[in-house]
Amino acid sequence: MKKRKIELAVISDVHLGTYGCHADELIAYLNSIQPKKLILNGDIIDIWQFSKRYFPPSHLKVLRKLIGMASKGTEVYYITGNHDEMLRKFSDTSMGNFKIANKLVLNLDGKKAWIFHGDVFDVSIQNAKWLAKLGGYGYDLLILINSFVNWWLVKLGREKYSLSKRIKNSVKSAVKYINNFEKTAAELAIENEYDYVICGHIHQPKKERYENKNGSCIYLNSGDWVENLTALEYSFKRWRIYHYNHDRLSPFFVDEDLKEMDINELIASITDKEVDMEEINDEDLPNENFNDESSSKENTNDQKQNKAKLDNQGFAQD
């Protein structure tokens, strides 16, 4: 299967080294794309909960895949988050196409994109890190319990259920925190004249335009690979949220807004080959055996019959 060529892909909150990480699904996604730039927007490796007793081969394969993509020409930016904050001492380190940074500003078709993990807005992390770490262990335990619950639900032919999403959506303080997070990020982006602000951290994939008296920007969140299995993709000057569970067989360019795009431009963007319909000649067509006299007679009779039908229906003949 050919890989989808895209300008930019953003993933975050993979949490390698935890029970909730969907490493196999992430590898499948990474194998399906060929981005010019890949942004790893924090919490890729969960150093907070790292244990020698649990780091399965599939998690190592993700790291190998990321390094392999960098070695094959993809620009890979590792933006540090709170769960991998130990890497912040290596900020601005560059190894070929692999770069580590705390934040990143990109120019995308004349528009500025501000990219960072987002834990800077989390008061609990700034003022009570031990409490945040304890919450991280509790979240990991909840995900582990949820995996057993979903295993039984699948066995019974029922749909999977997310306990953490249920809790987040039902607790008013959690909903308020998420709303405040998004609003704060968007307002800071507008204040600093960024067109896009791209975060992770809260595990809530989203794309929304924010406006105030000073201007507007588009807030984007890449979600996570624990619950939502989502990523952000930028191509054809457009952003979209990729959902693994729904979009794994759907190519990026199938989009209502792209129907009017020239077909040659679409094909060239995916295959890097220009297609000229005039180059197709008779040699490209399948060869048929026209030496059989009986076949020739049958074809002649069919043509006569078809011509007669058309004449009877009143269609003009050229």
C-alpha atoms as a PDB file:
ATOM      1  CA  MET A   1       0.000   0.000   0.000  1.00  0.00           C
ATOM      2  CA  LYS A   2       1.398   3.408  -0.961  1.00  0.00           C
ATOM      3  CA  LYS A   3       2.120   5.838   1.822  1.00  0.00           C
ATOM      4  CA  ARG A   4       0.197   9.093   2.015  1.00  0.00           C
ATOM      5  CA  LYS A   5       2.430  12.077   1.341  1.00  0.00           C
ATOM      6  CA  ILE A   6       1.603  14.951   3.697  1.00  0.00           C
ATOM      7  CA  GLU A   7       3.361  18.178   4.640  1.00  0.00           C
ATOM      8  CA  LEU A   8       3.206  17.821   8.410  1.00  0.00           C
ATOM      9  CA  ALA A   9       2.002  15.350  11.027  1.00  0.00           C
ATOM     10  CA  VAL A  10       1.696  16.035  14.763  1.00  0.00           C
ATOM     11  CA  ILE A  11       1.355  13.355  17.441  1.00  0.00           C
ATOM     12  CA  SER A  12       1.548  13.719  21.206  1.00  0.00           C
ATOM     13  CA  ASP A  13       0.919  11.918  24.477  1.00  0.00           C
ATOM     14  CA  VAL A  14       1.968   8.467  23.314  1.00  0.00           C
ATOM     15  CA  HIS A  15       3.185   7.541  26.824  1.00  0.00           C
ATOM     16  CA  LEU A  16       5.569   4.784  25.807  1.00  0.00           C
ATOM     17  CA  GLY A  17       6.299   2.588  28.816  1.00  0.00           C
ATOM     18  CA  THR A  18       2.749   2.599  30.187  1.00  0.00           C
ATOM     19  CA  TYR A  19      -0.003   0.000  29.920  1.00  0.00           C
ATOM     20  CA  GLY A  20      -2.357   2.379  28.147  1.00  0.00           C
ATOM     21  CA  CYS A  21      -0.084   3.084  25.180  1.00  0.00           C
ATOM     22  CA  HIS A  22      -1.380   1.779  21.822  1.00  0.00           C
ATOM     23  CA  ALA A  23       2.035   1.248  20.246  1.00  0.00           C
ATOM     24  CA  ASP A  24       0.920  -1.213  17.547  1.00  0.00           C
ATOM     25  CA  GLU A  25      -1.732   1.175  16.270  1.00  0.00           C
ATOM     26  CA  LEU A  26       0.763   4.040  16.246  1.00  0.00           C
ATOM     27  CA  ILE A  27       3.250   1.984  14.225  1.00  0.00           C
ATOM     28  CA  ALA A  28       0.482   1.162  11.739  1.00  0.00           C
ATOM     29  CA  TYR A  29      -0.284   4.879  11.408  1.00  0.00           C
ATOM     30  CA  LEU A  30       3.362   5.890  10.989  1.00  0.00           C
ATOM     31  CA  ASN A  31       3.774   3.184   8.341  1.00  0.00           C
ATOM     32  CA  SER A  32       0.874   4.683   6.381  1.00  0.00           C
ATOM     33  CA  ILE A  33       2.277   8.213   6.020  1.00  0.00           C
ATOM     34  CA  GLN A  34       5.308   9.932   4.541  1.00  0.00           C
ATOM     35  CA  PRO A  35       5.416  13.422   6.070  1.00  0.00           C
ATOM     36  CA  LYS A  36       8.011  16.053   5.283  1.00  0.00           C
ATOM     37  CA  LYS A  37       7.923  17.051   8.961  1.00  0.00           C
ATOM     38  CA  LEU A  38       6.868  15.017  11.996  1.00  0.00           C
ATOM     39  CA  ILE A  39       6.219  16.832  15.280  1.00  0.00           C
ATOM     40  CA  LEU A  40       6.347  14.771  18.477  1.00  0.00           C
ATOM     41  CA  ASN A  41       4.538  17.191  20.782  1.00  0.00           C
ATOM     42  CA  GLY A  42       5.477  15.925  24.224  1.00  0.00           C
ATOM     43  CA  ASP A  43       4.921  12.932  26.501  1.00  0.00           C
ATOM     44  CA  ILE A  44       6.148  10.485  23.878  1.00  0.00           C
ATOM     45  CA  ILE A  45       8.181   8.525  26.450  1.00  0.00           C
ATOM     46  CA  ASP A  46       6.644   8.444  29.926  1.00  0.00           C
ATOM     47  CA  ILE A  47       9.742   8.921  32.068  1.00  0.00           C
ATOM     48  CA  TRP A  48       7.596   9.591  35.146  1.00  0.00           C
ATOM     49  CA  GLN A  49       6.305   6.030  35.121  1.00  0.00           C
ATOM     50  CA  PHE A  50       9.212   4.343  33.352  1.00  0.00           C
ATOM     51  CA  SER A  51       9.949   0.846  34.623  1.00  0.00           C
ATOM     52  CA  LYS A  52      12.461  -1.772  33.492  1.00  0.00           C
ATOM     53  CA  ARG A  53       9.779  -4.378  34.112  1.00  0.00           C
ATOM     54  CA  TYR A  54       7.461  -2.960  31.442  1.00  0.00           C
ATOM     55  CA  PHE A  55       8.723  -1.732  28.115  1.00  0.00           C
ATOM     56  CA  PRO A  56       7.457  -4.241  25.525  1.00  0.00           C
ATOM     57  CA  PRO A  57       8.999  -4.797  22.055  1.00  0.00           C
ATOM     58  CA  SER A  58       6.187  -2.838  20.346  1.00  0.00           C
ATOM     59  CA  HIS A  59       7.197   0.272  22.318  1.00  0.00           C
ATOM     60  CA  LEU A  60      10.802  -0.157  21.201  1.00  0.00           C
ATOM     61  CA  LYS A  61       9.568  -0.515  17.616  1.00  0.00           C
ATOM     62  CA  VAL A  62       7.958   2.931  17.845  1.00  0.00           C
ATOM     63  CA  LEU A  63      11.306   4.472  18.818  1.00  0.00           C
ATOM     64  CA  ARG A  64      13.042   2.580  16.018  1.00  0.00           C
ATOM     65  CA  LYS A  65      10.387   3.730  13.535  1.00  0.00           C
ATOM     66  CA  LEU A  66      10.803   7.385  14.549  1.00  0.00           C
ATOM     67  CA  ILE A  67      14.580   7.201  14.180  1.00  0.00           C
ATOM     68  CA  GLY A  68      14.147   5.402  10.860  1.00  0.00           C
ATOM     69  CA  MET A  69      11.862   8.133   9.534  1.00  0.00           C
ATOM     70  CA  ALA A  70      14.467  10.748  10.454  1.00  0.00           C
ATOM     71  CA  SER A  71      17.214   8.784   8.724  1.00  0.00           C
ATOM     72  CA  LYS A  72      15.104   8.582   5.549  1.00  0.00           C
ATOM     73  CA  GLY A  73      14.645  12.340   5.240  1.00  0.00           C
ATOM     74  CA  THR A  74      11.703  13.274   7.467  1.00  0.00           C
ATOM     75  CA  GLU A  75      12.410  16.244   9.745  1.00  0.00           C
ATOM     76  CA  VAL A  76      11.517  14.986  13.231  1.00  0.00           C
ATOM     77  CA  TYR A  77      11.029  17.527  16.029  1.00  0.00           C
ATOM     78  CA  TYR A  78      10.770  16.187  19.583  1.00  0.00           C
ATOM     79  CA  ILE A  79       9.048  18.830  21.729  1.00  0.00           C
ATOM     80  CA  THR A  80       9.389  18.053  25.412  1.00  0.00           C
ATOM     81  CA  GLY A  81       6.405  17.629  27.718  1.00  0.00           C
ATOM     82  CA  ASN A  82       5.959  17.120  31.444  1.00  0.00           C
ATOM     83  CA  HIS A  83       6.229  13.312  31.408  1.00  0.00           C
ATOM     84  CA  ASP A  84       9.498  13.512  29.447  1.00  0.00           C
ATOM     85  CA  GLU A  85      10.747  16.746  31.044  1.00  0.00           C
ATOM     86  CA  MET A  86      14.182  15.190  31.693  1.00  0.00           C
ATOM     87  CA  LEU A  87      14.873  15.726  28.000  1.00  0.00           C
ATOM     88  CA  ARG A  88      14.579  19.506  28.435  1.00  0.00           C
ATOM     89  CA  LYS A  89      18.245  19.651  29.405  1.00  0.00           C
ATOM     90  CA  PHE A  90      18.938  18.598  25.793  1.00  0.00           C
ATOM     91  CA  SER A  91      16.793  21.348  24.282  1.00  0.00           C
ATOM     92  CA  ASP A  92      18.151  22.748  20.988  1.00  0.00           C
ATOM     93  CA  THR A  93      20.108  19.535  20.417  1.00  0.00           C
ATOM     94  CA  SER A  94      20.210  18.455  16.782  1.00  0.00           C
ATOM     95  CA  MET A  95      21.241  15.063  15.390  1.00  0.00           C
ATOM     96  CA  GLY A  96      20.792  15.087  11.635  1.00  0.00           C
ATOM     97  CA  ASN A  97      17.055  15.339  10.975  1.00  0.00           C
ATOM     98  CA  PHE A  98      16.198  14.702  14.643  1.00  0.00           C
ATOM     99  CA  LYS A  99      15.850  17.838  16.806  1.00  0.00           C
ATOM    100  CA  ILE A 100      14.827  18.383  20.441  1.00  0.00           C
ATOM    101  CA  ALA A 101      13.104  21.601  21.499  1.00  0.00           C
ATOM    102  CA  ASN A 102      10.803  22.984  24.184  1.00  0.00           C
ATOM    103  CA  LYS A 103       8.654  24.842  21.654  1.00  0.00           C
ATOM    104  CA  LEU A 104       8.606  25.410  17.931  1.00  0.00           C
ATOM    105  CA  VAL A 105       7.428  28.098  15.512  1.00  0.00           C
ATOM    106  CA  LEU A 106       6.871  27.095  11.880  1.00  0.00           C
ATOM    107  CA  ASN A 107       5.930  29.042   8.780  1.00  0.00           C
ATOM    108  CA  LEU A 108       3.172  27.134   6.985  1.00  0.00           C
ATOM    109  CA  ASP A 109       2.283  28.669   3.628  1.00  0.00           C
ATOM    110  CA  GLY A 110       2.761  32.197   4.963  1.00  0.00           C
ATOM    111  CA  LYS A 111       1.042  31.562   8.316  1.00  0.00           C
ATOM    112  CA  LYS A 112       2.776  31.161  11.685  1.00  0.00           C
ATOM    113  CA  ALA A 113       2.202  28.050  13.779  1.00  0.00           C
ATOM    114  CA  TRP A 114       3.125  28.045  17.488  1.00  0.00           C
ATOM    115  CA  ILE A 115       3.683  24.504  18.754  1.00  0.00           C
ATOM    116  CA  PHE A 116       4.278  23.443  22.374  1.00  0.00           C
ATOM    117  CA  HIS A 117       3.082  20.673  24.690  1.00  0.00           C
ATOM    118  CA  GLY A 118       0.904  22.765  26.998  1.00  0.00           C
ATOM    119  CA  ASP A 119       1.908  21.683  30.515  1.00  0.00           C
ATOM    120  CA  VAL A 120       3.036  25.254  31.164  1.00  0.00           C
ATOM    121  CA  PHE A 121      -0.656  26.072  31.755  1.00  0.00           C
ATOM    122  CA  ASP A 122      -1.076  23.272  34.305  1.00  0.00           C
ATOM    123  CA  VAL A 123      -0.987  24.810  37.793  1.00  0.00           C
ATOM    124  CA  SER A 124      -0.763  21.405  39.515  1.00  0.00           C
ATOM    125  CA  ILE A 125       2.435  20.596  37.619  1.00  0.00           C
ATOM    126  CA  GLN A 126       3.997  23.983  38.335  1.00  0.00           C
ATOM    127  CA  ASN A 127       3.132  24.096  42.062  1.00  0.00           C
ATOM    128  CA  ALA A 128       2.595  20.483  43.188  1.00  0.00           C
ATOM    129  CA  LYS A 129       4.479  18.127  40.905  1.00  0.00           C
ATOM    130  CA  TRP A 130       4.125  15.222  43.340  1.00  0.00           C
ATOM    131  CA  LEU A 131       0.350  15.541  43.088  1.00  0.00           C
ATOM    132  CA  ALA A 132       0.538  15.554  39.282  1.00  0.00           C
ATOM    133  CA  LYS A 133       2.715  12.434  39.336  1.00  0.00           C
ATOM    134  CA  LEU A 134       0.306  10.719  41.697  1.00  0.00           C
ATOM    135  CA  GLY A 135      -2.511  11.623  39.321  1.00  0.00           C
ATOM    136  CA  GLY A 136      -0.462  10.140  36.474  1.00  0.00           C
ATOM    137  CA  TYR A 137      -0.180   6.807  38.290  1.00  0.00           C
ATOM    138  CA  GLY A 138      -3.904   6.884  39.044  1.00  0.00           C
ATOM    139  CA  TYR A 139      -4.683   7.614  35.391  1.00  0.00           C
ATOM    140  CA  ASP A 140      -2.468   4.714  34.266  1.00  0.00           C
ATOM    141  CA  LEU A 141      -4.247   2.381  36.710  1.00  0.00           C
ATOM    142  CA  LEU A 142      -7.624   3.575  35.431  1.00  0.00           C
ATOM    143  CA  ILE A 143      -6.560   2.862  31.840  1.00  0.00           C
ATOM    144  CA  LEU A 144      -5.370  -0.623  32.854  1.00  0.00           C
ATOM    145  CA  ILE A 145      -8.711  -1.382  34.535  1.00  0.00           C
ATOM    146  CA  ASN A 146     -10.521   0.034  31.501  1.00  0.00           C
ATOM    147  CA  SER A 147      -8.603  -2.322  29.186  1.00  0.00           C
ATOM    148  CA  PHE A 148      -9.892  -5.347  31.134  1.00  0.00           C
ATOM    149  CA  VAL A 149     -13.439  -3.957  31.077  1.00  0.00           C
ATOM    150  CA  ASN A 150     -13.257  -3.420  27.319  1.00  0.00           C
ATOM    151  CA  TRP A 151     -11.852  -6.920  26.809  1.00  0.00           C
ATOM    152  CA  TRP A 152     -14.990  -8.366  28.408  1.00  0.00           C
ATOM    153  CA  LEU A 153     -17.256  -5.979  26.513  1.00  0.00           C
ATOM    154  CA  VAL A 154     -15.751  -7.094  23.181  1.00  0.00           C
ATOM    155  CA  LYS A 155     -16.203 -10.735  24.199  1.00  0.00           C
ATOM    156  CA  LEU A 156     -19.859 -10.017  24.904  1.00  0.00           C
ATOM    157  CA  GLY A 157     -20.289  -8.224  21.585  1.00  0.00           C
ATOM    158  CA  ARG A 158     -20.689  -4.809  23.199  1.00  0.00           C
ATOM    159  CA  GLU A 159     -19.017  -1.508  22.302  1.00  0.00           C
ATOM    160  CA  LYS A 160     -15.895  -0.366  24.142  1.00  0.00           C
ATOM    161  CA  TYR A 161     -16.341   2.120  26.953  1.00  0.00           C
ATOM    162  CA  SER A 162     -13.938   4.831  28.146  1.00  0.00           C
ATOM    163  CA  LEU A 163     -13.995   5.308  31.907  1.00  0.00           C
ATOM    164  CA  SER A 164     -11.602   8.258  31.815  1.00  0.00           C
ATOM    165  CA  LYS A 165     -13.670  10.114  29.198  1.00  0.00           C
ATOM    166  CA  ARG A 166     -16.791   9.494  31.258  1.00  0.00           C
ATOM    167  CA  ILE A 167     -15.127  10.935  34.340  1.00  0.00           C
ATOM    168  CA  LYS A 168     -13.692  13.939  32.486  1.00  0.00           C
ATOM    169  CA  ASN A 169     -17.023  14.790  30.883  1.00  0.00           C
ATOM    170  CA  SER A 170     -19.004  14.389  34.103  1.00  0.00           C
ATOM    171  CA  VAL A 171     -16.703  16.298  36.464  1.00  0.00           C
ATOM    172  CA  LYS A 172     -17.380  20.020  36.087  1.00  0.00           C
ATOM    173  CA  SER A 173     -13.904  21.020  37.267  1.00  0.00           C
ATOM    174  CA  ALA A 174     -12.297  18.855  34.561  1.00  0.00           C
ATOM    175  CA  VAL A 175     -14.496  20.365  31.856  1.00  0.00           C
ATOM    176  CA  LYS A 176     -13.735  23.862  33.142  1.00  0.00           C
ATOM    177  CA  TYR A 177      -9.997  23.132  33.183  1.00  0.00           C
ATOM    178  CA  ILE A 178     -10.038  21.957  29.554  1.00  0.00           C
ATOM    179  CA  ASN A 179     -12.043  24.990  28.435  1.00  0.00           C
ATOM    180  CA  ASN A 180      -9.701  27.343  30.288  1.00  0.00           C
ATOM    181  CA  PHE A 181      -6.674  25.593  28.800  1.00  0.00           C
ATOM    182  CA  GLU A 182      -7.924  26.020  25.253  1.00  0.00           C
ATOM    183  CA  LYS A 183      -9.007  29.614  25.780  1.00  0.00           C
ATOM    184  CA  THR A 184      -5.698  30.605  27.395  1.00  0.00           C
ATOM    185  CA  ALA A 185      -3.657  29.031  24.593  1.00  0.00           C
ATOM    186  CA  ALA A 186      -5.759  30.725  21.918  1.00  0.00           C
ATOM    187  CA  GLU A 187      -5.662  34.163  23.559  1.00  0.00           C
ATOM    188  CA  LEU A 188      -1.876  34.024  23.944  1.00  0.00           C
ATOM    189  CA  ALA A 189      -1.544  33.003  20.298  1.00  0.00           C
ATOM    190  CA  ILE A 190      -3.692  35.937  19.173  1.00  0.00           C
ATOM    191  CA  GLU A 191      -1.721  38.310  21.387  1.00  0.00           C
ATOM    192  CA  ASN A 192       1.531  37.136  19.795  1.00  0.00           C
ATOM    193  CA  GLU A 193       0.048  37.184  16.265  1.00  0.00           C
ATOM    194  CA  TYR A 194       0.189  33.453  15.599  1.00  0.00           C
ATOM    195  CA  ASP A 195      -2.285  31.988  13.117  1.00  0.00           C
ATOM    196  CA  TYR A 196      -2.213  28.493  14.650  1.00  0.00           C
ATOM    197  CA  VAL A 197      -1.559  27.279  18.194  1.00  0.00           C
ATOM    198  CA  ILE A 198      -0.917  23.531  18.498  1.00  0.00           C
ATOM    199  CA  CYS A 199      -0.908  21.724  21.845  1.00  0.00           C
ATOM    200  CA  GLY A 200      -1.176  18.294  23.429  1.00  0.00           C
ATOM    201  CA  HIS A 201      -1.218  17.463  27.151  1.00  0.00           C
ATOM    202  CA  ILE A 202      -4.973  17.340  27.862  1.00  0.00           C
ATOM    203  CA  HIS A 203      -5.698  14.316  25.609  1.00  0.00           C
ATOM    204  CA  GLN A 204      -8.567  16.138  23.897  1.00  0.00           C
ATOM    205  CA  PRO A 205      -8.270  16.270  20.075  1.00  0.00           C
ATOM    206  CA  LYS A 206      -9.765  19.470  18.760  1.00  0.00           C
ATOM    207  CA  LYS A 207      -9.767  22.005  15.945  1.00  0.00           C
ATOM    208  CA  GLU A 208     -11.551  25.295  16.604  1.00  0.00           C
ATOM    209  CA  ARG A 209     -11.304  28.948  15.629  1.00  0.00           C
ATOM    210  CA  TYR A 210     -11.090  31.463  18.476  1.00  0.00           C
ATOM    211  CA  GLU A 211     -11.755  35.171  18.088  1.00  0.00           C
ATOM    212  CA  ASN A 212     -11.508  38.215  20.324  1.00  0.00           C
ATOM    213  CA  LYS A 213     -11.202  41.973  19.871  1.00  0.00           C
ATOM    214  CA  ASN A 214      -7.496  41.610  18.995  1.00  0.00           C
ATOM    215  CA  GLY A 215      -7.886  39.050  16.200  1.00  0.00           C
ATOM    216  CA  SER A 216      -8.358  35.331  15.652  1.00  0.00           C
ATOM    217  CA  CYS A 217      -6.447  32.057  15.479  1.00  0.00           C
ATOM    218  CA  ILE A 218      -7.074  28.348  15.063  1.00  0.00           C
ATOM    219  CA  TYR A 219      -6.550  26.212  18.169  1.00  0.00           C
ATOM    220  CA  LEU A 220      -5.477  22.626  17.487  1.00  0.00           C
ATOM    221  CA  ASN A 221      -4.860  19.701  19.807  1.00  0.00           C
ATOM    222  CA  SER A 222      -3.396  16.418  18.614  1.00  0.00           C
ATOM    223  CA  GLY A 223      -5.110  14.322  21.298  1.00  0.00           C
ATOM    224  CA  ASP A 224      -3.272  11.176  22.365  1.00  0.00           C
ATOM    225  CA  TRP A 225      -2.445   7.520  21.654  1.00  0.00           C
ATOM    226  CA  VAL A 226      -3.895   6.181  24.890  1.00  0.00           C
ATOM    227  CA  GLU A 227      -7.631   6.843  24.553  1.00  0.00           C
ATOM    228  CA  ASN A 228      -8.390   8.697  21.328  1.00  0.00           C
ATOM    229  CA  LEU A 229      -5.639   7.456  18.951  1.00  0.00           C
ATOM    230  CA  THR A 230      -5.509  10.738  17.054  1.00  0.00           C
ATOM    231  CA  ALA A 231      -3.054  12.952  15.198  1.00  0.00           C
ATOM    232  CA  LEU A 232      -3.039  16.251  13.347  1.00  0.00           C
ATOM    233  CA  GLU A 233      -2.237  16.392   9.643  1.00  0.00           C
ATOM    234  CA  TYR A 234      -1.479  19.435   7.516  1.00  0.00           C
ATOM    235  CA  SER A 235      -1.563  19.287   3.740  1.00  0.00           C
ATOM    236  CA  PHE A 236      -3.036  21.326   0.866  1.00  0.00           C
ATOM    237  CA  LYS A 237      -3.003  24.336   3.260  1.00  0.00           C
ATOM    238  CA  ARG A 238      -5.544  22.607   5.492  1.00  0.00           C
ATOM    239  CA  TRP A 239      -5.530  20.999   8.938  1.00  0.00           C
ATOM    240  CA  ARG A 240      -7.483  17.913   9.857  1.00  0.00           C
ATOM    241  CA  ILE A 241      -7.743  15.610  12.858  1.00  0.00           C
ATOM    242  CA  TYR A 242      -6.843  12.021  12.021  1.00  0.00           C
ATOM    243  CA  HIS A 243      -8.785   9.384  14.003  1.00  0.00           C
ATOM    244  CA  TYR A 244      -7.171   5.975  13.741  1.00  0.00           C
ATOM    245  CA  ASN A 245     -10.382   4.077  14.498  1.00  0.00           C
ATOM    246  CA  HIS A 246     -12.249   5.837  11.660  1.00  0.00           C
ATOM    247  CA  ASP A 247      -9.633   7.049   9.181  1.00  0.00           C
ATOM    248  CA  ARG A 248      -7.060   4.266   8.966  1.00  0.00           C
ATOM    249  CA  LEU A 249      -8.328   3.305   5.499  1.00  0.00           C
ATOM    250  CA  SER A 250      -9.237   6.829   4.393  1.00  0.00           C
ATOM    251  CA  PRO A 251      -6.623   8.828   2.440  1.00  0.00           C
ATOM    252  CA  PHE A 252      -6.115  12.472   3.302  1.00  0.00           C
ATOM    253  CA  PHE A 253      -7.051  13.874  -0.080  1.00  0.00           C
ATOM    254  CA  VAL A 254     -10.614  12.570   0.020  1.00  0.00           C
ATOM    255  CA  ASP A 255     -12.123  15.849   1.172  1.00  0.00           C
ATOM    256  CA  GLU A 256     -15.171  17.811   0.115  1.00  0.00           C
ATOM    257  CA  ASP A 257     -13.045  20.948  -0.219  1.00  0.00           C
ATOM    258  CA  LEU A 258     -10.637  19.246  -2.606  1.00  0.00           C
ATOM    259  CA  LYS A 259     -13.066  17.975  -5.215  1.00  0.00           C
ATOM    260  CA  GLU A 260     -12.332  20.896  -7.513  1.00  0.00           C
ATOM    261  CA  MET A 261      -8.562  20.395  -7.375  1.00  0.00           C
ATOM    262  CA  ASP A 262      -6.912  19.409 -10.647  1.00  0.00           C
ATOM    263  CA  ILE A 263      -6.560  15.607 -10.842  1.00  0.00           C
ATOM    264  CA  ASN A 264      -2.997  15.843 -12.150  1.00  0.00           C
ATOM    265  CA  GLU A 265      -2.046  17.989  -9.149  1.00  0.00           C
ATOM    266  CA  LEU A 266      -3.586  15.492  -6.763  1.00  0.00           C
ATOM    267  CA  ILE A 267      -1.840  12.504  -8.329  1.00  0.00           C
ATOM    268  CA  ALA A 268       1.466  14.335  -8.533  1.00  0.00           C
ATOM    269  CA  SER A 269       1.260  15.298  -4.860  1.00  0.00           C
ATOM    270  CA  ILE A 270       0.800  11.653  -3.891  1.00  0.00           C
ATOM    271  CA  THR A 271       3.068   9.864  -6.370  1.00  0.00           C
ATOM    272  CA  ASP A 272       5.510  12.640  -7.337  1.00  0.00           C
ATOM    273  CA  LYS A 273       4.751  11.833 -10.982  1.00  0.00           C
ATOM    274  CA  GLU A 274       3.142  14.068 -13.556  1.00  0.00           C
ATOM    275  CA  VAL A 275       0.311  12.419 -15.434  1.00  0.00           C
ATOM    276  CA  ASP A 276      -0.350  13.458 -19.013  1.00  0.00           C
ATOM    277  CA  MET A 277      -3.385  11.802 -20.540  1.00  0.00           C
ATOM    278  CA  GLU A 278      -2.054  12.559 -24.031  1.00  0.00           C
ATOM    279  CA  GLU A 279       0.864  10.219 -23.385  1.00  0.00           C
ATOM    280  CA  ILE A 280      -1.512   7.249 -23.266  1.00  0.00           C
ATOM    281  CA  ASN A 281      -1.424   5.629 -26.713  1.00  0.00           C
ATOM    282  CA  ASP A 282      -2.468   2.406 -28.333  1.00  0.00           C
ATOM    283  CA  GLU A 283       0.619   0.617 -27.060  1.00  0.00           C
ATOM    284  CA  ASP A 284      -0.623   1.076 -23.508  1.00  0.00           C
ATOM    285  CA  LEU A 285      -3.928  -0.627 -24.303  1.00  0.00           C
ATOM    286  CA  PRO A 286      -4.342  -4.388 -23.860  1.00  0.00           C
ATOM    287  CA  ASN A 287      -3.684  -6.390 -27.047  1.00  0.00           C
ATOM    288  CA  GLU A 288      -6.576  -8.302 -28.525  1.00  0.00           C
ATOM    289  CA  ASN A 289      -6.494 -11.040 -31.157  1.00  0.00           C
ATOM    290  CA  PHE A 290      -8.302  -9.616 -34.180  1.00  0.00           C
ATOM    291  CA  ASN A 291      -7.151 -12.292 -36.627  1.00  0.00           C
ATOM    292  CA  ASP A 292     -10.052 -14.595 -36.004  1.00  0.00           C
ATOM    293  CA  GLU A 293     -12.348 -14.240 -39.039  1.00  0.00           C
ATOM    294  CA  SER A 294     -15.405 -15.411 -37.146  1.00  0.00           C
ATOM    295  CA  SER A 295     -14.796 -12.813 -34.435  1.00  0.00           C
ATOM    296  CA  SER A 296     -14.392 -10.172 -37.157  1.00  0.00           C
ATOM    297  CA  LYS A 297     -17.698 -11.122 -38.769  1.00  0.00           C
ATOM    298  CA  GLU A 298     -19.483 -11.105 -35.414  1.00  0.00           C
ATOM    299  CA  ASN A 299     -18.111  -7.646 -34.657  1.00  0.00           C
ATOM    300  CA  THR A 300     -19.269  -6.376 -38.077  1.00  0.00           C
ATOM    301  CA  ASN A 301     -22.771  -7.801 -37.553  1.00  0.00           C
ATOM    302  CA  ASP A 302     -22.958  -6.255 -34.068  1.00  0.00           C
ATOM    303  CA  GLN A 303     -21.975  -2.880 -35.455  1.00  0.00           C
ATOM    304  CA  LYS A 304     -24.667  -3.057 -38.138  1.00  0.00           C
ATOM    305  CA  GLN A 305     -27.315  -4.046 -35.600  1.00  0.00           C
ATOM    306  CA  ASN A 306     -26.295  -1.219 -33.239  1.00  0.00           C
ATOM    307  CA  LYS A 307     -26.374   1.302 -36.143  1.00  0.00           C
ATOM    308  CA  ALA A 308     -29.861   0.129 -37.108  1.00  0.00           C
ATOM    309  CA  LYS A 309     -31.096   0.535 -33.520  1.00  0.00           C
ATOM    310  CA  LEU A 310     -29.728   4.042 -33.354  1.00  0.00           C
ATOM    311  CA  ASP A 311     -31.312   4.954 -36.703  1.00  0.00           C
ATOM    312  CA  ASN A 312     -34.663   3.653 -35.495  1.00  0.00           C
ATOM    313  CA  GLN A 313     -34.378   5.747 -32.302  1.00  0.00           C
ATOM    314  CA  GLY A 314     -33.626   8.881 -34.293  1.00  0.00           C
ATOM    315  CA  PHE A 315     -30.012   9.433 -33.105  1.00  0.00           C
ATOM    316  CA  ALA A 316     -27.791  11.260 -35.607  1.00  0.00           C
ATOM    317  CA  GLN A 317     -24.793   9.326 -36.913  1.00  0.00           C
ATOM    318  CA  ASP A 318     -21.405  10.997 -37.460  1.00  0.00           C
END
